[in-house]
Amino acid sequence: MDNYIQTTEVDDIKDLTAIRCYEKSDTAFIINAWLHGFKNGCEYFKLIDHSAYMDVYGTVLNKIITKDNVDIKIICLADTPEIILGFSVFELTTAGIILHWVYVKPDWRNNGVGLRLLPENIKYCTHLTKIGKSLLKKHPEIKFNPFLI
């Protein structure tokens, strides 16, 4: 299947995937992917003791995803919705849309899957990795503000 994904056109990927609403059963996957992605993708967070980071930041992420005004989009296989390919976590506020995190499994990256997870008119982002930094350069209208968590 991985070889098929790499040679498939973006339109074919859209046919294979679907966007669905977040379910409580998705929480462990989201927290785990976010914890590891941020720890490995942010130079400063790599310096934090692994156990301390996992314990404390897991609590922070859980608080973010359980806020009333947070929305989570899940992209999954169209015919198997329990297989998560990626997700986005964003918050709708009076100040604008705050993007907290986007994750796509490595085999599904670079074919438009992540773009389907993004809301329009993002005003702020709260978490920044190397990949996120490069995206901010393309979208200077999005401001990095980690204090909006």
Foldseek 3Di string as FASTA:
>chain_A
DLVCLVPDALVVVVVFKDKDFDDPVCLVVVLVQVLVCQCVFAPVNVPDDPVVSSVPVSVVVVVQQPDPQKGKIFMAGPVDRVHTQWMWIWGQDPVGIETEDIDGPPSNPDRCPRVVRDDPPAQEYQGDGPVNVVVCVVPVNYYYDNVVD
